[in-house]
Amino acid sequence: MSFEILVPSLPESVSDATLATWHKKSGEFVNKNENLVDLETDKVVLEVPAPESGILSKILHQDGAIVVAGDVLAILEIQDTDEVPSVSTKDDQEETELPTHQDIPLSPAVRRLILEKNIDPQTISGTGKNNRLTKADILKHIEINQQADQPAQKMPPATPIEVTNTSTPPSSFRPEQRVPMTRLRAKVAERLLQAQQNAAMLTTFNEVNMKNVIDLRNQYKDRFQQKHEIKLGFMSFFVKSSIEALKKFPAINASIDGNDIIYHGYYDMGIAVTTPRGLIVPVIKDADQLDFAGIEKSIFDYGTKAREGSLSYEDLTGGTFTITNGGIFGSMLSTPILNPPQCAILGMHAITERPVVENGEIVIRPIMYLALSYDHRLVDGKEAVQFLVTIKECLESPAHLLLNL
């Protein structure tokens, strides 16, 4: 019996998808629920599993093809169960009991690495949830194998060669490589250009003394981790501080729709994350209803999904305000670009010890520069400055967050 493999329903506002990678070839046998192909959209990679076990008899669209919902990707020939013998040999039973490649859950990013490097996933122990293989596991496996091969590669030649002519002109070989943009990279480029062209974008800056937050974190981080089974980071302090500031200045939590202003009565916080595929912004829904542990767990889960390439479209939709942290890469100062249709974005930067004046004396303090980019059509300069000052006050006196002052 023949079965058509169709492009599944695409997320709302996504019109088509790019066929990224076929994981099976025409004529191969596939197991039920085994991933056949990855479809790349503007934000996420969708997996298309086999509905039944059978032979992939014909592939109708190759890698790189643009497809829409309902398109036929391939034909699957399903074996008639009446033809399957009811008695199997001992050898067959032993063979079926052995773990197979399909027994190991693989994300699209991990599967791509395994195929490119021709790695047997059964030889690697997964460190992810439920022993799931992560990209870090694969990269570590590759690094270990490369180190093991280095002694053989570094064997000196049998006869030393003395180089006497060092005036050889430089090579005229100038390599170039042209590759198409990924769907995600193209979408990011489109949205960033849209933000610059369609918004009156302005950035205001301030600095914050992180000493009290660092001291509070150092004092309670071990007890926090023991109780909540998650590390206490800095991002939860910034999310909480931003929510307090958004409550005082609701225009910064709003967006423009034509000639209307939409004031959002909820706080969906986007956290910018860099992945091998490009920049994405998972959204913590109703972040104001979460405590510090809930925020840290959400950030950790999104980070894990982003590295494994398993974020869903729902994880990336919405958002009323975004926070981006260039400080993890060493950035001292930057002007973040808006994430439309949001009207503001907060930029965090590296924490650096600097001399500052306190009570007439010069002291050394851990200082971070903050940047708030905003749409001047909706947000006045006074509001933007006071918003950033509110965040500064919350961070320099964390009692504001704990006592709701």
Protein backbone atom coordinates (compact mmCIF):
# COMPACT_ATOMS: atom_id res chain seq x y z
CA MET A 1 0.00 0.00 0.00
CA SER A 2 1.35 3.45 -0.96
CA PHE A 3 1.29 6.38 1.44
CA GLU A 4 2.05 10.01 0.58
CA ILE A 5 4.44 11.90 2.87
CA LEU A 6 3.09 15.46 3.00
CA VAL A 7 4.48 18.77 4.20
CA PRO A 8 2.73 19.29 7.57
CA SER A 9 0.71 22.36 8.45
CA LEU A 10 3.13 25.26 8.86
CA PRO A 11 2.99 27.71 11.77
CA GLU A 12 0.83 30.79 11.39
CA SER A 13 2.42 33.54 9.26
CA VAL A 14 4.84 31.01 7.68
CA SER A 15 3.96 30.57 4.01
CA ASP A 16 6.60 28.04 2.94
CA ALA A 17 9.63 26.07 4.07
CA THR A 18 12.99 25.00 2.67
CA LEU A 19 13.76 21.29 2.47
CA ALA A 20 16.96 21.18 4.51
CA THR A 21 18.09 17.56 4.72
CA TRP A 22 16.79 14.14 3.74
CA HIS A 23 17.86 11.54 6.31
CA LYS A 24 16.80 8.58 4.16
CA LYS A 25 17.46 7.69 0.53
CA SER A 26 15.03 6.36 -2.03
CA GLY A 27 14.65 2.60 -1.61
CA GLU A 28 15.62 2.54 2.07
CA PHE A 29 13.51 0.97 4.80
CA VAL A 30 12.21 3.37 7.49
CA ASN A 31 10.67 2.69 10.88
CA LYS A 32 7.49 4.27 12.15
CA ASN A 33 8.07 7.72 13.72
CA GLU A 34 11.63 7.87 12.35
CA ASN A 35 12.50 11.34 11.09
CA LEU A 36 12.62 11.41 7.30
CA VAL A 37 13.43 15.01 6.48
CA ASP A 38 14.07 18.40 8.10
CA LEU A 39 12.11 21.43 6.89
CA GLU A 40 13.64 24.82 7.71
CA THR A 41 11.28 27.77 8.25
CA ASP A 42 12.06 31.37 9.16
CA LYS A 43 12.42 30.46 12.83
CA VAL A 44 12.49 26.72 13.51
CA VAL A 45 13.37 23.38 11.93
CA LEU A 46 10.43 21.00 11.57
CA GLU A 47 10.87 17.24 11.50
CA VAL A 48 8.66 15.06 9.27
CA PRO A 49 8.37 11.55 10.79
CA ALA A 50 7.34 8.38 8.99
CA PRO A 51 3.65 7.59 9.72
CA GLU A 52 4.28 3.84 9.34
CA SER A 53 7.17 1.45 8.74
CA GLY A 54 7.91 0.75 5.11
CA ILE A 55 10.09 1.44 2.07
CA LEU A 56 10.73 5.02 0.94
CA SER A 57 10.07 4.26 -2.69
CA LYS A 58 10.24 7.72 -4.24
CA ILE A 59 11.49 11.19 -3.20
CA LEU A 60 9.74 14.02 -5.04
CA HIS A 61 11.60 17.07 -3.66
CA GLN A 62 15.35 17.29 -3.12
CA ASP A 63 17.41 19.26 -0.59
CA GLY A 64 17.01 23.02 -1.04
CA ALA A 65 13.53 22.85 -2.58
CA ILE A 66 10.88 25.34 -1.46
CA VAL A 67 7.69 23.58 -0.35
CA VAL A 68 4.33 24.62 1.11
CA ALA A 69 1.87 22.86 3.40
CA GLY A 70 0.26 19.88 1.71
CA ASP A 71 2.99 19.31 -0.88
CA VAL A 72 3.88 15.65 -1.43
CA LEU A 73 7.47 15.08 -0.33
CA ALA A 74 7.79 11.35 -0.99
CA ILE A 75 5.97 8.06 -1.44
CA LEU A 76 6.15 5.43 1.28
CA GLU A 77 5.34 1.80 0.44
CA ILE A 78 3.81 0.21 3.54
CA GLN A 79 4.30 -3.52 3.86
CA ASP A 80 1.10 -5.56 4.24
CA THR A 81 1.04 -7.02 7.74
CA ASP A 82 -0.42 -10.28 6.31
CA GLU A 83 2.84 -10.84 4.48
CA VAL A 84 4.93 -10.56 7.62
CA PRO A 85 5.87 -14.01 8.97
CA SER A 86 4.63 -14.64 12.50
CA VAL A 87 7.64 -16.77 13.51
CA SER A 88 11.11 -15.35 13.68
CA THR A 89 14.40 -17.14 14.19
CA LYS A 90 16.50 -16.82 17.30
CA ASP A 91 19.06 -14.78 15.39
CA ASP A 92 16.36 -12.38 14.22
CA GLN A 93 15.08 -11.95 17.77
CA GLU A 94 18.56 -11.23 19.06
CA GLU A 95 19.13 -8.75 16.27
CA THR A 96 15.92 -6.85 16.98
CA GLU A 97 16.82 -6.60 20.65
CA LEU A 98 20.01 -4.72 19.87
CA PRO A 99 19.80 -0.93 20.20
CA THR A 100 19.56 0.82 16.87
CA HIS A 101 20.33 4.27 15.59
CA GLN A 102 16.64 5.10 15.96
CA ASP A 103 16.66 4.33 19.70
CA ILE A 104 18.69 7.46 20.37
CA PRO A 105 16.72 10.74 20.24
CA LEU A 106 18.53 13.18 17.96
CA SER A 107 17.84 16.84 17.31
CA PRO A 108 18.25 18.18 13.75
CA ALA A 109 21.55 19.90 14.62
CA VAL A 110 22.95 16.73 16.20
CA ARG A 111 21.76 14.53 13.34
CA ARG A 112 23.37 16.86 10.81
CA LEU A 113 26.74 16.61 12.59
CA ILE A 114 26.49 12.81 12.79
CA LEU A 115 25.80 12.54 9.08
CA GLU A 116 28.55 15.01 8.12
CA LYS A 117 31.22 13.34 10.28
CA ASN A 118 29.97 9.76 9.73
CA ILE A 119 29.71 9.08 13.47
CA ASP A 120 27.96 6.11 15.11
CA PRO A 121 25.75 7.70 17.84
CA GLN A 122 25.70 4.42 19.78
CA THR A 123 29.38 4.97 20.68
CA ILE A 124 28.63 8.25 22.47
CA SER A 125 27.02 8.71 25.88
CA GLY A 126 24.38 11.45 25.92
CA THR A 127 24.49 14.08 28.69
CA GLY A 128 21.14 15.67 27.88
CA LYS A 129 17.77 15.00 29.45
CA ASN A 130 16.83 11.30 29.31
CA ASN A 131 20.36 10.56 27.98
CA ARG A 132 19.66 12.67 24.91
CA LEU A 133 22.66 13.36 22.70
CA THR A 134 23.51 17.05 22.57
CA LYS A 135 25.62 18.97 20.09
CA ALA A 136 28.25 19.40 22.80
CA ASP A 137 28.50 15.59 23.14
CA ILE A 138 29.18 15.22 19.41
CA LEU A 139 31.75 18.04 19.32
CA LYS A 140 33.56 16.59 22.33
CA HIS A 141 33.64 13.17 20.65
CA ILE A 142 35.11 14.71 17.49
CA GLU A 143 37.72 16.65 19.50
CA ILE A 144 38.82 13.52 21.39
CA ASN A 145 39.22 11.56 18.16
CA GLN A 146 41.18 14.40 16.56
CA GLN A 147 43.54 14.53 19.55
CA ALA A 148 44.01 10.76 19.34
CA ASP A 149 45.01 11.11 15.67
CA GLN A 150 47.47 13.96 16.24
CA PRO A 151 50.56 11.86 17.14
CA ALA A 152 50.33 10.01 13.83
CA GLN A 153 49.84 13.23 11.95
CA LYS A 154 52.83 14.94 13.57
CA MET A 155 55.43 12.26 12.70
CA PRO A 156 58.56 14.01 11.43
CA PRO A 157 59.79 13.23 7.92
CA ALA A 158 62.49 10.58 7.57
CA THR A 159 64.95 13.04 6.03
CA PRO A 160 65.10 16.66 7.25
CA ILE A 161 64.69 19.23 4.49
CA GLU A 162 66.62 22.46 4.75
CA VAL A 163 64.81 25.47 3.32
CA THR A 164 67.26 27.97 1.87
CA ASN A 165 65.02 30.17 -0.26
CA THR A 166 62.67 32.30 1.83
CA SER A 167 61.91 34.81 -0.89
CA THR A 168 59.09 32.79 -2.48
CA PRO A 169 56.39 35.23 -3.59
CA PRO A 170 53.03 34.93 -1.81
CA SER A 171 50.46 32.68 -3.44
CA SER A 172 47.93 34.35 -5.73
CA PHE A 173 45.30 31.80 -4.68
CA ARG A 174 42.45 33.78 -3.10
CA PRO A 175 39.66 31.37 -2.15
CA GLU A 176 36.01 32.41 -1.95
CA GLN A 177 32.89 30.49 -1.13
CA ARG A 178 29.35 31.48 -2.03
CA VAL A 179 26.59 29.88 0.03
CA PRO A 180 22.90 30.76 0.26
CA MET A 181 21.59 32.38 3.43
CA THR A 182 19.70 30.10 5.76
CA ARG A 183 16.04 30.88 6.17
CA LEU A 184 16.70 32.09 9.71
CA ARG A 185 19.59 34.36 8.68
CA ALA A 186 17.53 35.85 5.85
CA LYS A 187 14.60 36.49 8.20
CA VAL A 188 16.83 38.13 10.80
CA ALA A 189 18.33 40.37 8.11
CA GLU A 190 14.86 41.32 6.89
CA ARG A 191 13.57 42.17 10.37
CA LEU A 192 16.64 44.18 11.35
CA LEU A 193 16.42 46.22 8.15
CA GLN A 194 12.70 46.69 8.74
CA ALA A 195 13.39 47.97 12.26
CA GLN A 196 15.85 50.57 11.01
CA GLN A 197 13.65 51.72 8.14
CA ASN A 198 10.27 51.78 9.90
CA ALA A 199 11.11 53.06 13.39
CA ALA A 200 12.52 56.32 14.77
CA MET A 201 15.16 54.39 16.73
CA LEU A 202 17.16 56.08 19.46
CA THR A 203 19.41 54.69 22.21
CA THR A 204 19.99 55.96 25.73
CA PHE A 205 22.70 54.70 28.07
CA ASN A 206 23.38 54.36 31.76
CA GLU A 207 25.68 52.42 34.03
CA VAL A 208 24.88 50.19 36.97
CA ASN A 209 26.95 49.19 39.97
CA MET A 210 26.56 45.40 40.14
CA LYS A 211 28.21 44.98 43.57
CA ASN A 212 25.01 44.37 45.55
CA VAL A 213 23.64 41.90 43.01
CA ILE A 214 26.97 40.04 42.92
CA ASP A 215 27.17 39.94 46.73
CA LEU A 216 23.57 38.72 47.01
CA ARG A 217 24.13 36.07 44.37
CA ASN A 218 27.37 34.85 45.98
CA GLN A 219 25.67 34.67 49.38
CA TYR A 220 22.69 32.57 48.28
CA LYS A 221 23.66 30.82 45.04
CA ASP A 222 24.52 27.48 46.71
CA ARG A 223 21.30 27.36 48.77
CA PHE A 224 19.35 28.51 45.71
CA GLN A 225 20.76 25.69 43.58
CA GLN A 226 20.17 23.07 46.28
CA LYS A 227 16.53 24.08 46.68
CA HIS A 228 15.56 24.77 43.06
CA GLU A 229 18.07 22.54 41.21
CA ILE A 230 19.04 25.44 38.95
CA LYS A 231 21.87 27.96 39.09
CA LEU A 232 21.15 31.56 40.03
CA GLY A 233 22.37 33.77 37.20
CA PHE A 234 22.27 37.49 36.50
CA MET A 235 19.58 37.36 33.81
CA SER A 236 16.75 36.73 36.29
CA PHE A 237 17.68 39.98 38.09
CA PHE A 238 17.48 41.87 34.80
CA VAL A 239 14.17 40.26 33.84
CA LYS A 240 12.65 41.13 37.22
CA SER A 241 14.06 44.69 37.09
CA SER A 242 12.74 45.20 33.55
CA ILE A 243 9.26 44.05 34.56
CA GLU A 244 9.21 46.54 37.43
CA ALA A 245 10.27 49.31 35.05
CA LEU A 246 7.69 48.26 32.43
CA LYS A 247 4.93 48.48 35.04
CA LYS A 248 5.93 52.10 35.74
CA PHE A 249 6.25 53.00 32.06
CA PRO A 250 3.62 51.00 30.11
CA ALA A 251 4.40 52.77 26.82
CA ILE A 252 7.67 50.82 26.65
CA ASN A 253 5.67 47.58 26.85
CA ALA A 254 3.45 48.71 23.96
CA SER A 255 3.61 48.44 20.19
CA ILE A 256 2.36 50.42 17.18
CA ASP A 257 -0.20 48.94 14.78
CA GLY A 258 -0.90 51.40 11.98
CA ASN A 259 -2.27 54.52 13.67
CA ASP A 260 -3.08 52.65 16.89
CA ILE A 261 -1.04 51.99 20.01
CA ILE A 262 -1.47 48.58 21.62
CA TYR A 263 -0.76 48.60 25.36
CA HIS A 264 -0.02 45.06 26.52
CA GLY A 265 -1.32 44.14 29.95
CA TYR A 266 1.09 41.21 30.23
CA TYR A 267 4.84 40.81 30.22
CA ASP A 268 6.24 38.35 27.69
CA MET A 269 10.01 38.74 27.87
CA GLY A 270 12.16 37.83 24.87
CA ILE A 271 15.69 36.63 25.65
CA ALA A 272 18.03 36.87 22.64
CA VAL A 273 20.06 33.68 22.07
CA THR A 274 22.86 33.08 19.57
CA THR A 275 22.76 29.67 17.85
CA PRO A 276 24.79 28.11 15.01
CA ARG A 277 21.87 28.97 12.71
CA GLY A 278 21.72 32.61 13.79
CA LEU A 279 20.08 34.88 16.35
CA ILE A 280 16.75 33.77 17.82
CA VAL A 281 14.58 35.21 20.60
CA PRO A 282 12.69 32.68 22.73
CA VAL A 283 9.90 34.26 24.77
CA ILE A 284 9.16 33.72 28.48
CA LYS A 285 5.39 34.06 28.62
CA ASP A 286 3.87 35.90 31.62
CA ALA A 287 7.30 36.39 33.16
CA ASP A 288 5.83 38.64 35.86
CA GLN A 289 4.11 35.57 37.35
CA LEU A 290 7.39 33.67 37.75
CA ASP A 291 9.83 33.84 40.64
CA PHE A 292 13.61 33.90 40.21
CA ALA A 293 13.78 30.10 40.00
CA GLY A 294 11.02 29.95 37.40
CA ILE A 295 12.79 32.52 35.23
CA GLU A 296 16.16 30.75 35.51
CA LYS A 297 14.58 27.38 34.62
CA SER A 298 12.85 28.91 31.59
CA ILE A 299 16.12 30.46 30.39
CA PHE A 300 17.99 27.18 30.90
CA ASP A 301 15.35 25.16 29.04
CA TYR A 302 15.32 27.59 26.12
CA GLY A 303 19.11 27.59 25.97
CA THR A 304 19.17 23.79 25.83
CA LYS A 305 16.51 23.70 23.13
CA ALA A 306 18.35 26.37 21.12
CA ARG A 307 21.62 24.41 21.17
CA GLU A 308 19.83 21.22 20.14
CA GLY A 309 17.74 22.96 17.49
CA SER A 310 14.49 21.78 19.08
CA LEU A 311 12.75 25.11 19.76
CA SER A 312 9.13 25.12 18.64
CA TYR A 313 7.45 27.98 16.80
CA GLU A 314 5.38 28.69 19.93
CA ASP A 315 8.60 29.23 21.89
CA LEU A 316 9.50 32.11 19.57
CA THR A 317 6.15 33.85 19.06
CA GLY A 318 4.96 36.97 20.82
CA GLY A 319 7.13 39.02 23.11
CA THR A 320 6.50 42.53 24.40
CA PHE A 321 10.07 43.43 25.42
CA THR A 322 13.48 41.94 24.64
CA ILE A 323 16.75 41.64 26.56
CA THR A 324 20.03 40.89 24.79
CA ASN A 325 23.34 40.20 26.54
CA GLY A 326 26.38 41.05 24.46
CA GLY A 327 28.44 40.98 27.64
CA ILE A 328 28.85 37.21 27.45
CA PHE A 329 30.98 37.80 24.34
CA GLY A 330 32.94 40.64 25.95
CA SER A 331 31.00 43.61 24.52
CA MET A 332 31.55 46.77 26.53
CA LEU A 333 28.94 48.93 24.79
CA SER A 334 26.53 48.59 21.88
CA THR A 335 23.26 49.94 20.47
CA PRO A 336 20.84 47.00 20.13
CA ILE A 337 18.35 47.02 17.26
CA LEU A 338 14.62 46.79 17.93
CA ASN A 339 12.77 43.51 17.57
CA PRO A 340 9.57 44.56 15.68
CA PRO A 341 6.80 45.14 16.56
CA GLN A 342 8.27 45.77 20.03
CA CYS A 343 9.21 49.36 20.71
CA ALA A 344 12.20 48.82 23.03
CA ILE A 345 15.09 46.47 23.73
CA LEU A 346 17.55 46.38 26.64
CA GLY A 347 21.22 45.67 26.02
CA MET A 348 23.42 44.19 28.75
CA HIS A 349 27.22 44.34 28.55
CA ALA A 350 30.36 43.04 30.22
CA ILE A 351 30.86 43.64 33.95
CA THR A 352 34.19 45.42 34.42
CA GLU A 353 35.87 46.74 37.55
CA ARG A 354 36.21 50.52 37.28
CA PRO A 355 37.10 53.40 39.61
CA VAL A 356 34.01 55.29 40.76
CA VAL A 357 33.38 58.03 43.33
CA GLU A 358 31.28 57.12 46.38
CA ASN A 359 30.86 59.59 49.26
CA GLY A 360 33.76 61.64 47.98
CA GLU A 361 36.14 58.70 47.74
CA ILE A 362 37.44 56.76 44.74
CA VAL A 363 36.61 53.06 45.02
CA ILE A 364 36.71 50.09 42.65
CA ARG A 365 33.29 48.69 41.71
CA PRO A 366 31.98 46.12 39.16
CA ILE A 367 30.24 48.30 36.59
CA MET A 368 28.03 47.36 33.64
CA TYR A 369 26.89 49.70 30.89
CA LEU A 370 23.22 49.42 29.96
CA ALA A 371 21.69 50.49 26.64
CA LEU A 372 18.01 50.98 25.89
CA SER A 373 17.06 51.34 22.23
CA TYR A 374 13.51 52.56 21.72
CA ASP A 375 11.07 53.78 19.08
CA HIS A 376 10.87 57.54 19.53
CA ARG A 377 7.49 57.60 17.78
CA LEU A 378 5.96 55.97 20.84
CA VAL A 379 8.41 56.53 23.67
CA ASP A 380 9.58 59.98 24.76
CA GLY A 381 13.17 60.53 25.79
CA LYS A 382 12.11 61.29 29.37
CA GLU A 383 10.30 57.96 29.67
CA ALA A 384 13.24 56.06 28.21
CA VAL A 385 15.75 57.67 30.58
CA GLN A 386 13.54 57.13 33.63
CA PHE A 387 12.89 53.54 32.58
CA LEU A 388 16.62 52.85 32.49
CA VAL A 389 17.11 54.65 35.83
CA THR A 390 14.43 52.40 37.37
CA ILE A 391 16.31 49.30 36.22
CA LYS A 392 19.51 50.78 37.65
CA GLU A 393 17.83 51.41 41.02
CA CYS A 394 16.41 47.89 41.18
CA LEU A 395 19.79 46.33 40.49
CA GLU A 396 21.80 48.56 42.78
CA SER A 397 19.28 47.95 45.59
CA PRO A 398 17.84 44.43 45.09
CA ALA A 399 15.46 45.03 48.00
CA HIS A 400 13.28 46.81 45.42
CA LEU A 401 12.72 43.44 43.75
CA LEU A 402 12.31 41.42 46.92
CA LEU A 403 10.04 43.87 48.78
CA ASN A 404 8.16 45.17 45.73
CA LEU A 405 9.14 48.79 46.46
